[in-house]
Amino acid sequence: MVSIPHRKTLMTFGRSLLSALLLGIFAAPASAAAPSYSVKAVNTGGQYDSWRLIDNAGTLYGQAMGRSAYHSGGTTHVLDLPTMSEYPDARVSAISNAGHMATTEMWASYMPDGPVKAYVTVNGANTHLKPLSDGSGLPTAWANGVNNAGTVVGSSKTDVRVPGGDPYNPRFASHAFAYSDGVTKDLGTLGGVHSGATAINNAGTIVGYAHNPSWRERAFIYQNGQMTDLGAFEGGSSAATDINDSGQIIGQSAHTWDTSVQSAFLYVDGVMTDLGWSAGNPSKAVDINNLGQVIGYGADAKGLQHGFIYQNGQLLQLDAALDPLAGWSIRSTYSINDHGQILADACRLGACGTVLLSPVPEPETYAMMLAGLGLLGVCARRRARRKAAA
């Protein structure tokens, strides 16, 4: 005789199965399938629009008609900044989750040695960032990062002369700076001449690059008033490009003394890890979100660039995460928000432009979720019937 399970046994089994399904859905991402993305061409209507940042609300930041701008709700907004020339080359270069926009403006794209001004804009108010020096020729300040407190970091020309060169046409060193409450602070170097700050997180930790006494460029972290060398791969050179609120740092470093080939890295708890792009070809880590997802790009053996994402210890070329029938090829990456959306440069059928990559959940995940919700509904209906019968 075949025995029929008791109702309590069936309910226990149902709860166990549901727990297993939910555990599968919310298990550690390291065991999950590779991500996949939908691709949408970014067309905001302006012939010369250039977008390089995306926030958690999906707002785009960058440049429109040579001026700093952002695009939200289908409308492009140009910042009301005092421009240095009729045809400036300006863009929003950093954003915070609190609405700050750090911008950098050159005199013109055809005058790379002209003056450069940095601003921070919040709630419609613009503040000019005073450079570290006004006395060494044309003032220069680049804004590269900003946090929720409104502290801006970047690099600025100083009045420190670079050794050697033409005595009648001296060159001056650029140093990393932090701007807060009207004060621009020189962060110094690692014993060399030049430095630059590239990012700051909401804890106020700053990262960037600085020369050591041997003129080697090294990645640094600046906290508690002190600049610390993060080290490098065997080649001895490195630079940090970003830091998230968990203190995870990204950048690139050389494995050989020839610094022309740099490899993207992730630095966590004192350990610098190569992200795993082809060892003989250069790669760059561009952005990291608060989930620890890193985006970047690398060159293949033919010198062609390909975008990638690194997460849970694995590097994935983004082309492999797209529908192959769509024909897209991701060339480089710019920005990733905390929803995993990626702003990138892509080509299809010989035409290239900016695209938005949005994560697509795996079909198996949806199936498991629906099965779990269905089983949850069955259990709920059984409990309701028991209560009614009582």
Protein backbone atom coordinates (compact mmCIF):
# COMPACT_ATOMS: atom_id res chain seq x y z
CA MET A 1 0.00 0.00 0.00
CA VAL A 2 1.26 3.44 -0.88
CA SER A 3 1.04 5.80 2.07
CA ILE A 4 -0.23 9.34 1.62
CA PRO A 5 1.88 12.01 3.39
CA HIS A 6 0.26 13.85 6.28
CA ARG A 7 -0.82 17.43 5.58
CA LYS A 8 1.69 18.73 8.15
CA THR A 9 4.44 16.82 6.35
CA LEU A 10 3.38 18.40 3.05
CA MET A 11 3.45 21.85 4.61
CA THR A 12 6.90 21.24 6.08
CA PHE A 13 8.11 20.06 2.69
CA GLY A 14 6.56 23.15 1.04
CA ARG A 15 8.29 25.50 3.45
CA SER A 16 11.59 23.70 2.93
CA LEU A 17 11.24 23.90 -0.85
CA LEU A 18 10.35 27.58 -0.65
CA SER A 19 13.38 28.24 1.56
CA ALA A 20 15.57 26.44 -0.94
CA LEU A 21 14.13 28.47 -3.81
CA LEU A 22 14.60 31.75 -1.99
CA LEU A 23 18.11 30.73 -0.97
CA GLY A 24 18.86 30.05 -4.63
CA ILE A 25 17.51 33.43 -5.63
CA PHE A 26 19.41 35.38 -2.99
CA ALA A 27 22.56 33.28 -2.84
CA ALA A 28 25.99 34.90 -3.03
CA PRO A 29 26.50 36.43 -6.50
CA ALA A 30 29.76 34.51 -6.91
CA SER A 31 27.75 31.40 -7.77
CA ALA A 32 25.30 33.23 -10.05
CA ALA A 33 25.32 33.03 -13.83
CA ALA A 34 27.20 35.68 -15.83
CA PRO A 35 25.21 38.93 -16.19
CA SER A 36 23.47 39.94 -19.38
CA TYR A 37 22.56 43.42 -20.56
CA SER A 38 20.15 45.20 -22.83
CA VAL A 39 21.60 47.97 -24.99
CA LYS A 40 20.02 51.35 -25.70
CA ALA A 41 21.63 54.02 -27.84
CA VAL A 42 21.84 57.36 -26.02
CA ASN A 43 20.37 60.08 -28.21
CA THR A 44 19.54 63.28 -26.36
CA GLY A 45 18.96 65.40 -29.44
CA GLY A 46 22.13 67.47 -29.47
CA GLN A 47 24.61 66.90 -32.26
CA TYR A 48 27.56 67.56 -29.96
CA ASP A 49 26.23 66.09 -26.71
CA SER A 50 28.81 64.04 -24.81
CA TRP A 51 27.73 62.13 -21.68
CA ARG A 52 30.25 60.42 -19.40
CA LEU A 53 28.51 60.00 -16.00
CA ILE A 54 25.24 58.42 -14.85
CA ASP A 55 23.74 58.65 -11.36
CA ASN A 56 21.32 56.30 -9.56
CA ALA A 57 18.32 58.19 -10.95
CA GLY A 58 19.53 57.68 -14.53
CA THR A 59 20.52 61.34 -15.05
CA LEU A 60 23.36 61.82 -17.52
CA TYR A 61 26.19 64.31 -17.00
CA GLY A 62 28.82 65.69 -19.33
CA GLN A 63 28.85 68.26 -22.07
CA ALA A 64 26.42 69.91 -24.51
CA MET A 65 27.67 72.30 -27.19
CA GLY A 66 30.99 72.66 -25.38
CA ARG A 67 29.43 73.59 -22.04
CA SER A 68 28.89 71.67 -18.82
CA ALA A 69 25.45 70.06 -18.83
CA TYR A 70 23.21 67.28 -17.57
CA HIS A 71 20.24 65.47 -19.14
CA SER A 72 17.20 64.52 -17.07
CA GLY A 73 13.55 63.86 -17.85
CA GLY A 74 14.12 64.18 -21.57
CA THR A 75 15.62 67.67 -21.26
CA THR A 76 19.21 68.86 -21.47
CA HIS A 77 20.17 71.49 -18.90
CA VAL A 78 23.25 73.65 -19.49
CA LEU A 79 24.91 74.95 -16.32
CA ASP A 80 24.95 78.70 -15.94
CA LEU A 81 28.70 79.07 -15.46
CA PRO A 82 30.82 82.13 -16.25
CA THR A 83 32.66 81.02 -19.38
CA MET A 84 36.19 82.09 -20.24
CA SER A 85 35.64 82.19 -23.98
CA GLU A 86 32.95 82.05 -26.62
CA TYR A 87 33.83 78.46 -27.45
CA PRO A 88 34.87 76.76 -24.18
CA ASP A 89 35.58 73.09 -23.71
CA ALA A 90 33.78 72.30 -20.44
CA ARG A 91 32.11 69.29 -18.87
CA VAL A 92 30.71 67.92 -15.63
CA SER A 93 33.61 65.77 -14.48
CA ALA A 94 32.31 64.39 -11.16
CA ILE A 95 29.03 64.08 -9.24
CA SER A 96 27.88 63.23 -5.73
CA ASN A 97 24.73 61.50 -4.50
CA ALA A 98 23.79 64.77 -2.78
CA GLY A 99 23.52 66.68 -6.07
CA HIS A 100 26.96 68.26 -6.34
CA MET A 101 28.41 68.67 -9.82
CA ALA A 102 32.15 69.32 -10.16
CA THR A 103 33.06 70.83 -13.51
CA THR A 104 36.21 71.66 -15.44
CA GLU A 105 36.43 74.30 -18.17
CA MET A 106 39.27 74.84 -20.62
CA TRP A 107 39.60 77.98 -22.69
CA ALA A 108 39.10 75.91 -25.84
CA SER A 109 39.83 72.39 -27.05
CA TYR A 110 42.47 73.76 -29.45
CA MET A 111 44.33 75.48 -26.57
CA PRO A 112 45.47 72.66 -24.26
CA ASP A 113 48.00 74.98 -22.60
CA GLY A 114 45.42 77.67 -21.89
CA PRO A 115 43.81 78.44 -18.52
CA VAL A 116 41.65 75.78 -16.86
CA LYS A 117 39.03 76.60 -14.24
CA ALA A 118 37.18 74.31 -11.84
CA TYR A 119 33.74 74.84 -10.28
CA VAL A 120 31.34 73.05 -7.98
CA THR A 121 27.59 73.51 -8.48
CA VAL A 122 24.85 72.51 -6.04
CA ASN A 123 21.22 73.67 -5.91
CA GLY A 124 21.91 76.06 -8.76
CA ALA A 125 24.74 77.89 -6.96
CA ASN A 126 28.18 77.94 -8.61
CA THR A 127 31.46 78.23 -6.73
CA HIS A 128 34.79 78.82 -8.43
CA LEU A 129 37.59 76.71 -6.94
CA LYS A 130 40.63 78.84 -6.28
CA PRO A 131 43.76 77.20 -7.78
CA LEU A 132 46.81 76.49 -5.67
CA SER A 133 48.72 79.28 -7.38
CA ASP A 134 47.94 82.37 -9.47
CA GLY A 135 51.53 83.46 -9.87
CA SER A 136 52.97 80.84 -12.25
CA GLY A 137 51.45 81.99 -15.47
CA LEU A 138 47.93 80.96 -16.41
CA PRO A 139 46.00 79.50 -13.42
CA THR A 140 45.05 75.87 -13.86
CA ALA A 141 42.77 73.63 -11.79
CA TRP A 142 41.07 70.38 -12.78
CA ALA A 143 38.13 69.01 -10.76
CA ASN A 144 38.11 65.19 -10.72
CA GLY A 145 35.95 64.12 -7.77
CA VAL A 146 33.37 65.35 -5.26
CA ASN A 147 31.60 63.78 -2.27
CA ASN A 148 28.29 64.37 -0.49
CA ALA A 149 29.91 66.96 1.81
CA GLY A 150 30.85 69.03 -1.23
CA THR A 151 34.60 68.46 -0.93
CA VAL A 152 36.16 68.60 -4.40
CA VAL A 153 39.47 66.99 -5.32
CA GLY A 154 41.63 67.34 -8.40
CA SER A 155 44.94 68.75 -9.57
CA SER A 156 46.18 72.32 -9.81
CA LYS A 157 49.28 74.10 -11.04
CA THR A 158 51.52 75.35 -8.24
CA ASP A 159 54.39 77.82 -8.03
CA VAL A 160 56.86 74.93 -7.56
CA ARG A 161 59.27 74.97 -10.49
CA VAL A 162 60.07 71.71 -12.23
CA PRO A 163 63.84 71.09 -12.19
CA GLY A 164 65.71 71.61 -15.44
CA GLY A 165 64.19 72.92 -18.63
CA ASP A 166 64.41 76.37 -20.18
CA PRO A 167 65.22 78.95 -17.46
CA TYR A 168 63.39 81.62 -19.46
CA ASN A 169 60.30 79.47 -19.92
CA PRO A 170 59.97 77.56 -16.66
CA ARG A 171 57.52 74.76 -16.04
CA PHE A 172 55.60 74.43 -12.80
CA ALA A 173 54.49 71.33 -10.95
CA SER A 174 50.86 70.28 -10.56
CA HIS A 175 49.75 68.97 -7.17
CA ALA A 176 46.71 67.11 -5.85
CA PHE A 177 44.28 69.35 -3.98
CA ALA A 178 41.16 69.16 -1.83
CA TYR A 179 38.72 72.09 -1.81
CA SER A 180 36.29 72.62 1.06
CA ASP A 181 34.60 75.67 2.59
CA GLY A 182 36.47 78.11 0.40
CA VAL A 183 39.93 76.67 1.07
CA THR A 184 42.07 74.83 -1.50
CA LYS A 185 44.55 72.54 0.27
CA ASP A 186 47.74 71.24 -1.34
CA LEU A 187 47.97 67.49 -0.63
CA GLY A 188 51.65 67.32 -1.59
CA THR A 189 53.42 64.40 -3.28
CA LEU A 190 55.24 61.20 -2.36
CA GLY A 191 58.58 62.97 -2.49
CA GLY A 192 58.54 63.77 -6.19
CA VAL A 193 57.31 66.69 -8.27
CA HIS A 194 53.80 66.03 -9.55
CA SER A 195 50.59 64.59 -8.09
CA GLY A 196 46.86 64.56 -8.79
CA ALA A 197 43.75 63.51 -6.87
CA THR A 198 41.23 61.50 -8.88
CA ALA A 199 38.41 60.63 -6.47
CA ILE A 200 37.03 61.05 -2.94
CA ASN A 201 34.46 58.92 -1.12
CA ASN A 202 31.88 59.99 1.45
CA ALA A 203 34.24 59.18 4.32
CA GLY A 204 36.62 61.81 2.94
CA THR A 205 39.26 59.31 1.76
CA ILE A 206 41.10 60.55 -1.33
CA VAL A 207 42.96 58.55 -3.99
CA GLY A 208 45.11 59.50 -6.94
CA TYR A 209 48.66 59.39 -8.26
CA ALA A 210 51.91 61.03 -7.17
CA HIS A 211 55.59 60.91 -8.08
CA ASN A 212 58.04 59.38 -5.64
CA PRO A 213 61.66 60.60 -5.34
CA SER A 214 62.60 58.36 -8.30
CA TRP A 215 59.99 60.12 -10.46
CA ARG A 216 57.95 56.92 -10.60
CA GLU A 217 54.20 57.49 -10.59
CA ARG A 218 52.51 55.70 -7.70
CA ALA A 219 48.92 55.23 -6.58
CA PHE A 220 48.18 56.90 -3.27
CA ILE A 221 45.53 57.06 -0.57
CA TYR A 222 45.17 60.25 1.48
CA GLN A 223 43.47 60.12 4.85
CA ASN A 224 43.97 61.70 8.28
CA GLY A 225 46.21 64.31 6.68
CA GLN A 226 48.70 61.78 5.32
CA MET A 227 49.47 60.54 1.80
CA THR A 228 50.38 56.84 1.64
CA ASP A 229 51.86 54.89 -1.27
CA LEU A 230 49.59 51.96 -2.23
CA GLY A 231 52.42 50.10 -3.93
CA ALA A 232 52.51 48.65 -7.43
CA PHE A 233 53.01 45.50 -9.46
CA GLU A 234 56.52 44.40 -10.43
CA GLY A 235 57.00 47.33 -12.84
CA GLY A 236 56.95 49.84 -10.01
CA SER A 237 54.43 52.35 -11.40
CA SER A 238 50.73 52.70 -10.54
CA ALA A 239 47.82 55.15 -10.36
CA ALA A 240 44.48 55.01 -8.55
CA THR A 241 41.39 56.18 -10.43
CA ASP A 242 38.44 55.72 -8.06
CA ILE A 243 37.29 54.67 -4.58
CA ASN A 244 33.84 53.62 -3.34
CA ASP A 245 32.23 54.11 0.06
CA SER A 246 33.52 50.71 1.23
CA GLY A 247 37.10 51.85 0.61
CA GLN A 248 37.65 49.61 -2.43
CA ILE A 249 40.13 51.27 -4.80
CA ILE A 250 40.68 50.74 -8.51
CA GLY A 251 43.42 51.81 -10.88
CA GLN A 252 46.18 50.42 -13.05
CA SER A 253 49.78 49.35 -12.54
CA ALA A 254 52.63 48.04 -14.68
CA HIS A 255 54.04 44.53 -14.39
CA THR A 256 57.27 45.51 -16.14
CA TRP A 257 59.56 48.53 -15.90
CA ASP A 258 58.20 49.69 -19.27
CA THR A 259 55.14 51.61 -18.06
CA SER A 260 53.44 51.63 -21.46
CA VAL A 261 51.50 48.46 -20.58
CA GLN A 262 49.38 48.97 -17.48
CA SER A 263 47.02 46.39 -15.97
CA ALA A 264 43.76 47.25 -14.21
CA PHE A 265 43.71 46.47 -10.48
CA LEU A 266 41.41 46.32 -7.46
CA TYR A 267 42.93 47.24 -4.10
CA VAL A 268 41.20 45.89 -0.98
CA ASP A 269 42.57 45.49 2.56
CA GLY A 270 46.15 46.14 1.53
CA VAL A 271 46.13 43.72 -1.42
CA MET A 272 46.43 44.87 -5.06
CA THR A 273 44.77 42.32 -7.37
CA ASP A 274 45.16 42.21 -11.14
CA LEU A 275 41.66 42.11 -12.67
CA GLY A 276 42.77 39.48 -15.14
CA TRP A 277 42.82 41.13 -18.56
CA SER A 278 45.34 39.69 -21.01
CA ALA A 279 48.75 40.10 -19.33
CA GLY A 280 50.53 41.43 -22.42
CA ASN A 281 47.93 44.04 -23.32
CA PRO A 282 47.00 47.26 -21.51
CA SER A 283 43.81 47.60 -19.47
CA LYS A 284 42.27 50.37 -17.40
CA ALA A 285 39.80 50.32 -14.50
CA VAL A 286 37.47 53.29 -14.98
CA ASP A 287 34.73 53.25 -12.34
CA ILE A 288 33.54 51.29 -9.28
CA ASN A 289 30.11 51.46 -7.66
CA ASN A 290 29.13 50.83 -4.05
CA LEU A 291 28.35 47.18 -4.88
CA GLY A 292 32.00 46.64 -5.77
CA GLN A 293 31.34 46.22 -9.51
CA VAL A 294 34.27 47.52 -11.56
CA ILE A 295 34.10 48.58 -15.20
CA GLY A 296 36.95 49.30 -17.54
CA TYR A 297 38.39 48.44 -20.91
CA GLY A 298 41.40 46.69 -22.38
CA ALA A 299 43.13 46.22 -25.71
CA ASP A 300 43.34 42.96 -27.61
CA ALA A 301 46.33 41.66 -29.59
CA LYS A 302 45.31 43.89 -32.53
CA GLY A 303 45.04 46.99 -30.35
CA LEU A 304 41.23 47.14 -30.44
CA GLN A 305 39.56 48.18 -27.19
CA HIS A 306 36.87 46.12 -25.46
CA GLY A 307 34.84 47.05 -22.40
CA PHE A 308 34.63 44.75 -19.38
CA ILE A 309 33.00 44.34 -15.99
CA TYR A 310 34.67 42.75 -12.98
CA GLN A 311 32.63 41.40 -10.09
CA ASN A 312 32.88 38.58 -7.55
CA GLY A 313 36.46 37.88 -8.60
CA GLN A 314 35.63 37.36 -12.28
CA LEU A 315 36.24 39.54 -15.33
CA LEU A 316 33.75 39.44 -18.18
CA GLN A 317 34.14 41.09 -21.57
CA LEU A 318 30.87 42.97 -22.03
CA ASP A 319 30.43 41.81 -25.63
CA ALA A 320 29.83 38.31 -24.22
CA ALA A 321 26.95 39.62 -22.09
CA LEU A 322 24.97 41.03 -25.03
CA ASP A 323 22.59 39.50 -27.54
CA PRO A 324 24.97 38.46 -30.37
CA LEU A 325 22.23 39.03 -32.96
CA ALA A 326 22.06 42.72 -32.06
CA GLY A 327 25.58 43.28 -33.42
CA TRP A 328 26.85 45.62 -30.70
CA SER A 329 30.52 45.79 -29.75
CA ILE A 330 31.44 47.63 -26.52
CA ARG A 331 34.65 49.61 -27.05
CA SER A 332 35.09 51.47 -23.76
CA THR A 333 33.22 52.20 -20.55
CA TYR A 334 32.60 55.45 -18.69
CA SER A 335 30.39 55.12 -15.61
CA ILE A 336 28.40 52.56 -13.58
CA ASN A 337 25.70 53.42 -11.03
CA ASP A 338 24.57 51.43 -8.00
CA HIS A 339 21.84 49.73 -10.07
CA GLY A 340 24.52 48.26 -12.34
CA GLN A 341 23.64 50.46 -15.33
CA ILE A 342 26.69 51.18 -17.45
CA LEU A 343 27.38 54.15 -19.68
CA ALA A 344 29.68 53.02 -22.48
CA ASP A 345 30.90 53.60 -26.01
CA ALA A 346 29.79 51.01 -28.55
CA CYS A 347 29.81 50.34 -32.28
CA ARG A 348 27.35 48.60 -34.58
CA LEU A 349 27.46 48.33 -38.36
CA GLY A 350 30.36 50.77 -38.50
CA ALA A 351 28.62 53.49 -36.46
CA CYS A 352 29.76 54.30 -32.92
CA GLY A 353 28.25 56.26 -30.07
CA THR A 354 27.29 56.31 -26.41
CA VAL A 355 24.99 53.55 -25.15
CA LEU A 356 23.32 52.60 -21.87
CA LEU A 357 23.70 48.98 -20.74
CA SER A 358 21.00 47.81 -18.31
CA PRO A 359 21.22 44.50 -16.41
CA VAL A 360 18.70 41.86 -17.45
CA PRO A 361 17.81 39.18 -14.82
CA GLU A 362 18.41 35.61 -15.92
CA PRO A 363 15.24 33.72 -17.08
CA GLU A 364 16.05 30.94 -14.59
CA THR A 365 15.92 33.48 -11.75
CA TYR A 366 12.48 34.62 -12.82
CA ALA A 367 11.28 31.03 -13.08
CA MET A 368 12.54 30.23 -9.59
CA MET A 369 11.02 33.43 -8.22
CA LEU A 370 7.64 32.68 -9.78
CA ALA A 371 7.72 29.11 -8.52
CA GLY A 372 8.57 30.32 -5.03
CA LEU A 373 5.82 32.93 -5.08
CA GLY A 374 3.36 30.34 -6.36
CA LEU A 375 4.25 27.94 -3.58
CA LEU A 376 3.99 30.76 -1.08
CA GLY A 377 0.47 31.47 -2.37
CA VAL A 378 -0.52 27.80 -1.99
CA CYS A 379 0.67 27.76 1.62
CA ALA A 380 -1.19 31.00 2.34
CA ARG A 381 -4.44 29.62 0.90
CA ARG A 382 -4.13 26.45 2.98
CA ARG A 383 -3.65 28.50 6.16
CA ALA A 384 -6.70 30.60 5.29
CA ARG A 385 -8.84 27.50 4.75
CA ARG A 386 -7.73 26.06 8.10
CA LYS A 387 -8.65 29.26 9.91
CA ALA A 388 -12.06 29.34 8.20
CA ALA A 389 -12.74 25.71 9.12
CA ALA A 390 -11.84 26.40 12.75
